[in-house]
Amino acid sequence: MNEHKRVELLMLFLTLAEQLSFTKAAEQLGISKGYLSEKIKQLETHLKTPLVIRTTRSVKLTAQGVHVYEQALRIRTQLFDIEKTTDSQQVAGVIRLTAPKMFASTFLFDICHKFKQQHPNIEFMINSSYRTFNLNQQDFDLAFRATSSPPDNMVANKLFDYEHIIVASPRYLKSSGPIDSVVDLENHHCLTVTEQTIWPFASQQVNINGWLSSNDNHMLKRSAQQGGGLFRIANYFVKDELDSGQLVEVLQQEKIKNSGGLYMLYPQLIYPPYKLRVFIDFVKAYFQ
């Protein structure tokens, strides 16, 4: 366990020791009771000693718990002294982000570029993929994730809702005939994500076929624009093409409402870095 994780656990324990209640401590910290309990167990495992005696209504410190509490108090006082003698209100350094590719290309570059204009001493390291990282274990400050169920052990801020829609170019629809129901898809080319064989709709699931499958949504969108077939995608990814008329939405009556949300996730830290707090507020304002 690295140093900043150990300090974080000690500060969590310190609040619990002061409140002698998981419920009250969690409320004060702005985190879930379950998350706090998990972190206290991690600290006990790391120190190889029980720190608290858990009862149904209260928490009592063990002898070792009292000793750790006294040491944690000294550490917190030292941290406050350091903050008083240094300028901690600097937005500088590296912010490490992970985001799905569609969100990264549609929004994240613009967000980072505009933030950089306001804060010249900031740098970004971005992992653009569909891999889900554990932010408590891996070296990322913040994640953007498309999901309908954000993890309970993270602070989750919903940025916007989105829906999956079916789009095609006017040229394709003119040459291939109308699409009035999902049954008509049997007679159309469907541009699909790799190994995708079924598209879900409000009324039913439909087996699909087509001539192009790829893990690159940019390629599939370009193919749809050029008349290659139908494309099922999150509506935010094709907003500009819909507004300009390069693509049109079909089967709107079969659209599944509330497909999911795009969330900004970060660990439940007691003292997040100032640069991260400023960036989080900036992202919230960007999507408002």
Protein backbone atom coordinates (compact mmCIF):
# COMPACT_ATOMS: atom_id res chain seq x y z
CA MET A 1 0.00 0.00 0.00
CA ASN A 2 1.51 3.35 -1.03
CA GLU A 3 1.92 6.33 1.27
CA HIS A 4 -1.03 8.47 0.23
CA LYS A 5 -3.42 5.51 0.57
CA ARG A 6 -2.18 4.89 4.13
CA VAL A 7 -2.64 8.55 5.06
CA GLU A 8 -6.13 8.48 3.55
CA LEU A 9 -7.07 5.43 5.64
CA LEU A 10 -5.73 7.08 8.79
CA MET A 11 -7.82 10.21 8.17
CA LEU A 12 -10.92 8.07 7.68
CA PHE A 13 -10.20 6.23 10.91
CA LEU A 14 -9.60 9.54 12.70
CA THR A 15 -13.08 10.77 11.81
CA LEU A 16 -14.61 7.47 12.92
CA ALA A 17 -12.72 7.64 16.21
CA GLU A 18 -14.02 11.16 16.81
CA GLN A 19 -17.63 10.30 15.98
CA LEU A 20 -17.67 6.73 17.39
CA SER A 21 -20.35 5.95 14.81
CA PHE A 22 -20.01 4.65 11.27
CA THR A 23 -23.23 6.42 10.27
CA LYS A 24 -22.21 9.83 11.66
CA ALA A 25 -18.64 9.56 10.37
CA ALA A 26 -19.80 8.60 6.88
CA GLU A 27 -22.25 11.53 6.80
CA GLN A 28 -19.52 13.96 7.88
CA LEU A 29 -17.12 12.62 5.26
CA GLY A 30 -19.71 12.55 2.47
CA ILE A 31 -19.14 8.87 1.72
CA SER A 32 -21.19 5.71 2.14
CA LYS A 33 -21.24 3.76 5.40
CA GLY A 34 -20.27 0.58 3.55
CA TYR A 35 -17.28 2.25 1.92
CA LEU A 36 -16.07 3.59 5.28
CA SER A 37 -16.41 0.15 6.90
CA GLU A 38 -14.46 -1.44 4.04
CA LYS A 39 -11.61 1.08 4.41
CA ILE A 40 -11.38 0.62 8.19
CA LYS A 41 -11.08 -3.13 7.64
CA GLN A 42 -8.29 -2.45 5.12
CA LEU A 43 -6.43 -0.36 7.71
CA GLU A 44 -6.85 -3.07 10.35
CA THR A 45 -5.55 -5.66 7.90
CA HIS A 46 -2.58 -3.47 7.00
CA LEU A 47 -1.71 -2.81 10.67
CA LYS A 48 -2.51 -6.44 11.59
CA THR A 49 -4.54 -5.43 14.63
CA PRO A 50 -8.21 -4.63 15.42
CA LEU A 51 -8.79 -0.92 15.95
CA VAL A 52 -12.51 -0.80 16.77
CA ILE A 53 -15.10 -2.95 18.49
CA ARG A 54 -18.26 -2.86 16.43
CA THR A 55 -21.62 -3.04 18.22
CA THR A 56 -25.12 -2.58 16.85
CA ARG A 57 -25.36 1.04 18.01
CA SER A 58 -21.87 2.36 18.60
CA VAL A 59 -18.15 1.94 18.03
CA LYS A 60 -15.50 1.56 20.72
CA LEU A 61 -11.76 1.87 20.21
CA THR A 62 -9.45 -0.96 21.19
CA ALA A 63 -6.23 -0.16 23.06
CA GLN A 64 -4.39 -0.23 19.73
CA GLY A 65 -7.17 1.91 18.26
CA VAL A 66 -6.55 4.60 20.88
CA HIS A 67 -2.83 4.53 20.08
CA VAL A 68 -3.45 4.86 16.32
CA TYR A 69 -5.99 7.64 16.97
CA GLU A 70 -3.40 9.66 18.89
CA GLN A 71 -0.83 9.20 16.13
CA ALA A 72 -3.39 10.13 13.44
CA LEU A 73 -4.18 13.33 15.33
CA ARG A 74 -0.53 14.32 15.18
CA ILE A 75 -0.39 13.56 11.44
CA ARG A 76 -3.48 15.69 10.76
CA THR A 77 -2.01 18.58 12.73
CA GLN A 78 1.20 18.31 10.72
CA LEU A 79 -0.78 18.31 7.47
CA PHE A 80 -2.59 21.48 8.51
CA ASP A 81 0.73 23.12 9.43
CA ILE A 82 2.14 22.23 6.00
CA GLU A 83 -0.90 23.75 4.28
CA LYS A 84 -0.50 26.96 6.27
CA THR A 85 3.11 27.38 5.18
CA THR A 86 2.68 26.46 1.51
CA ASP A 87 0.48 27.64 -1.31
CA SER A 88 -1.67 24.55 -1.95
CA GLN A 89 -4.14 26.41 -4.13
CA GLN A 90 -2.20 25.79 -7.33
CA VAL A 91 -3.73 24.12 -10.38
CA ALA A 92 -0.61 22.43 -11.69
CA GLY A 93 0.73 18.98 -12.47
CA VAL A 94 -0.78 15.98 -14.23
CA ILE A 95 -4.42 14.85 -14.16
CA ARG A 96 -4.82 11.20 -15.21
CA LEU A 97 -8.12 10.38 -16.91
CA THR A 98 -9.77 7.32 -18.44
CA ALA A 99 -12.76 7.56 -20.76
CA PRO A 100 -14.58 5.56 -23.46
CA LYS A 101 -13.41 6.39 -26.96
CA MET A 102 -16.65 7.97 -28.16
CA PHE A 103 -16.84 10.32 -25.18
CA ALA A 104 -13.14 11.14 -25.44
CA SER A 105 -13.35 12.12 -29.10
CA THR A 106 -16.68 13.96 -28.77
CA PHE A 107 -16.12 15.92 -25.57
CA LEU A 108 -12.94 15.21 -23.64
CA PHE A 109 -10.39 16.89 -25.91
CA ASP A 110 -12.45 20.09 -25.92
CA ILE A 111 -12.84 19.94 -22.12
CA CYS A 112 -9.12 19.48 -21.55
CA HIS A 113 -8.17 22.13 -24.13
CA LYS A 114 -10.42 24.76 -22.53
CA PHE A 115 -9.25 23.86 -19.02
CA LYS A 116 -5.63 24.15 -20.17
CA GLN A 117 -6.34 27.64 -21.49
CA GLN A 118 -7.44 28.69 -18.01
CA HIS A 119 -4.72 26.77 -16.16
CA PRO A 120 -1.49 26.73 -18.24
CA ASN A 121 0.47 24.64 -15.73
CA ILE A 122 -1.83 21.62 -15.97
CA GLU A 123 -1.10 18.50 -18.02
CA PHE A 124 -3.33 15.57 -18.97
CA MET A 125 -2.70 11.86 -19.40
CA ILE A 126 -5.74 10.22 -21.07
CA ASN A 127 -6.46 6.53 -21.52
CA SER A 128 -9.10 6.29 -24.26
CA SER A 129 -10.60 2.80 -24.28
CA TYR A 130 -13.61 0.77 -23.20
CA ARG A 131 -11.70 -0.96 -20.41
CA THR A 132 -13.08 -0.47 -16.90
CA PHE A 133 -10.33 0.45 -14.45
CA ASN A 134 -10.49 0.21 -10.66
CA LEU A 135 -9.67 3.76 -9.55
CA ASN A 136 -8.89 2.61 -6.01
CA GLN A 137 -6.12 0.36 -7.28
CA GLN A 138 -4.86 1.92 -10.52
CA ASP A 139 -3.20 5.26 -11.11
CA PHE A 140 -6.11 7.31 -12.48
CA ASP A 141 -7.56 10.40 -10.82
CA LEU A 142 -10.92 10.33 -12.53
CA ALA A 143 -12.98 8.23 -14.95
CA PHE A 144 -15.78 8.96 -17.38
CA ARG A 145 -18.04 5.96 -17.82
CA ALA A 146 -21.22 5.14 -19.73
CA THR A 147 -23.41 3.07 -17.42
CA SER A 148 -26.88 2.69 -15.93
CA SER A 149 -25.49 1.59 -12.53
CA PRO A 150 -22.43 3.54 -11.33
CA PRO A 151 -20.35 1.79 -8.65
CA ASP A 152 -21.31 2.42 -5.02
CA ASN A 153 -17.73 2.91 -3.88
CA MET A 154 -17.19 5.95 -6.13
CA VAL A 155 -18.49 9.51 -6.17
CA ALA A 156 -20.66 9.49 -9.30
CA ASN A 157 -21.80 12.69 -11.03
CA LYS A 158 -24.18 12.17 -13.94
CA LEU A 159 -23.21 14.49 -16.80
CA PHE A 160 -26.02 13.64 -19.22
CA ASP A 161 -28.46 10.94 -20.34
CA TYR A 162 -28.20 9.34 -23.75
CA GLU A 163 -30.13 6.94 -25.95
CA HIS A 164 -29.12 4.48 -28.63
CA ILE A 165 -30.67 5.31 -31.98
CA ILE A 166 -30.63 3.92 -35.53
CA VAL A 167 -29.29 6.28 -38.19
CA ALA A 168 -28.59 6.17 -41.91
CA SER A 169 -27.72 8.62 -44.68
CA PRO A 170 -30.50 10.04 -46.89
CA ARG A 171 -28.71 8.46 -49.87
CA TYR A 172 -28.88 4.99 -48.38
CA LEU A 173 -32.55 5.30 -47.47
CA LYS A 174 -33.39 6.55 -50.98
CA SER A 175 -31.70 3.57 -52.63
CA SER A 176 -32.69 0.85 -50.15
CA GLY A 177 -36.32 1.56 -49.45
CA PRO A 178 -38.31 2.65 -46.39
CA ILE A 179 -37.91 1.30 -42.88
CA ASP A 180 -41.26 1.25 -41.11
CA SER A 181 -40.74 -1.55 -38.57
CA VAL A 182 -37.96 -3.68 -37.10
CA VAL A 183 -38.99 -6.50 -39.42
CA ASP A 184 -37.71 -4.41 -42.34
CA LEU A 185 -34.17 -4.70 -41.00
CA GLU A 186 -33.90 -8.15 -42.58
CA ASN A 187 -33.61 -6.42 -45.96
CA HIS A 188 -31.01 -3.85 -44.93
CA HIS A 189 -27.28 -3.67 -44.31
CA CYS A 190 -26.46 -3.06 -40.65
CA LEU A 191 -23.08 -1.61 -39.68
CA THR A 192 -22.17 -3.31 -36.42
CA VAL A 193 -19.69 -3.29 -33.59
CA THR A 194 -17.46 -6.37 -33.73
CA GLU A 195 -19.30 -9.62 -32.88
CA GLN A 196 -22.62 -7.81 -32.48
CA THR A 197 -25.43 -9.93 -33.96
CA ILE A 198 -28.54 -8.60 -32.17
CA TRP A 199 -30.00 -5.11 -31.84
CA PRO A 200 -32.47 -4.52 -28.97
CA PHE A 201 -35.61 -2.47 -29.59
CA ALA A 202 -38.61 -1.43 -27.53
CA SER A 203 -40.78 -4.21 -28.98
CA GLN A 204 -38.26 -7.01 -29.48
CA GLN A 205 -34.69 -8.03 -30.21
CA VAL A 206 -33.75 -8.44 -33.85
CA ASN A 207 -31.05 -10.52 -35.50
CA ILE A 208 -29.06 -8.32 -37.86
CA ASN A 209 -26.64 -8.80 -40.72
CA GLY A 210 -24.44 -6.57 -42.83
CA TRP A 211 -21.21 -6.27 -44.74
CA LEU A 212 -19.11 -4.32 -42.21
CA SER A 213 -18.26 -5.00 -38.57
CA SER A 214 -15.63 -3.05 -36.62
CA ASN A 215 -14.55 -2.01 -33.13
CA ASP A 216 -14.00 1.53 -34.48
CA ASN A 217 -17.17 3.61 -34.21
CA HIS A 218 -15.59 6.43 -36.21
CA MET A 219 -15.20 4.04 -39.16
CA LEU A 220 -18.78 2.86 -38.83
CA LYS A 221 -20.07 6.43 -38.68
CA ARG A 222 -18.12 7.38 -41.82
CA SER A 223 -19.52 4.34 -43.60
CA ALA A 224 -23.06 5.31 -42.60
CA GLN A 225 -22.48 8.86 -43.87
CA GLN A 226 -21.31 7.44 -47.21
CA GLY A 227 -24.42 5.29 -47.62
CA GLY A 228 -23.01 2.02 -46.29
CA GLY A 229 -26.02 1.05 -44.20
CA LEU A 230 -27.78 1.48 -40.87
CA PHE A 231 -25.82 2.31 -37.75
CA ARG A 232 -26.92 1.89 -34.09
CA ILE A 233 -25.11 4.30 -31.83
CA ALA A 234 -25.42 6.63 -28.82
CA ASN A 235 -27.22 9.78 -29.95
CA TYR A 236 -24.55 12.19 -28.63
CA PHE A 237 -21.95 10.64 -30.97
CA VAL A 238 -23.91 11.61 -34.11
CA LYS A 239 -25.52 14.87 -32.97
CA ASP A 240 -23.60 17.06 -35.41
CA GLU A 241 -24.35 14.74 -38.34
CA LEU A 242 -28.06 14.69 -37.44
CA ASP A 243 -28.13 18.50 -37.15
CA SER A 244 -26.46 18.90 -40.55
CA GLY A 245 -28.68 16.30 -42.27
CA GLN A 246 -25.80 13.96 -43.15
CA LEU A 247 -27.58 11.29 -41.11
CA VAL A 248 -31.23 10.85 -40.22
CA GLU A 249 -32.83 8.81 -37.45
CA VAL A 250 -35.10 5.89 -38.32
CA LEU A 251 -37.38 3.65 -36.25
CA GLN A 252 -37.80 6.38 -33.64
CA GLN A 253 -40.89 4.62 -32.30
CA GLU A 254 -38.74 1.60 -31.41
CA LYS A 255 -36.12 3.56 -29.51
CA ILE A 256 -35.39 2.27 -26.00
CA LYS A 257 -35.77 5.23 -23.67
CA ASN A 258 -33.08 6.05 -21.11
CA SER A 259 -30.40 3.74 -22.47
CA GLY A 260 -27.99 4.99 -19.83
CA GLY A 261 -26.04 7.93 -18.54
CA LEU A 262 -22.54 9.29 -18.87
CA TYR A 263 -20.96 9.62 -15.43
CA MET A 264 -17.87 11.26 -14.01
CA LEU A 265 -16.43 8.97 -11.33
CA TYR A 266 -13.70 9.46 -8.77
CA PRO A 267 -12.68 7.85 -5.45
CA GLN A 268 -14.27 9.02 -2.22
CA LEU A 269 -11.25 10.98 -1.03
CA ILE A 270 -11.33 13.15 2.07
CA TYR A 271 -8.66 15.54 0.80
CA PRO A 272 -8.70 15.39 -3.01
CA PRO A 273 -5.93 17.40 -4.70
CA TYR A 274 -6.88 21.01 -5.37
CA LYS A 275 -6.24 20.61 -9.12
CA LEU A 276 -8.73 17.71 -9.19
CA ARG A 277 -11.41 19.64 -7.29
CA VAL A 278 -11.11 22.54 -9.75
CA PHE A 279 -11.25 20.20 -12.76
CA ILE A 280 -14.33 18.39 -11.41
CA ASP A 281 -16.17 21.71 -10.98
CA PHE A 282 -15.10 22.72 -14.48
CA VAL A 283 -16.52 19.53 -16.03
CA LYS A 284 -19.82 19.97 -14.17
CA ALA A 285 -20.12 23.52 -15.44
CA TYR A 286 -19.22 22.42 -19.00
CA PHE A 287 -22.22 20.10 -19.18
CA GLN A 288 -24.62 22.48 -17.49
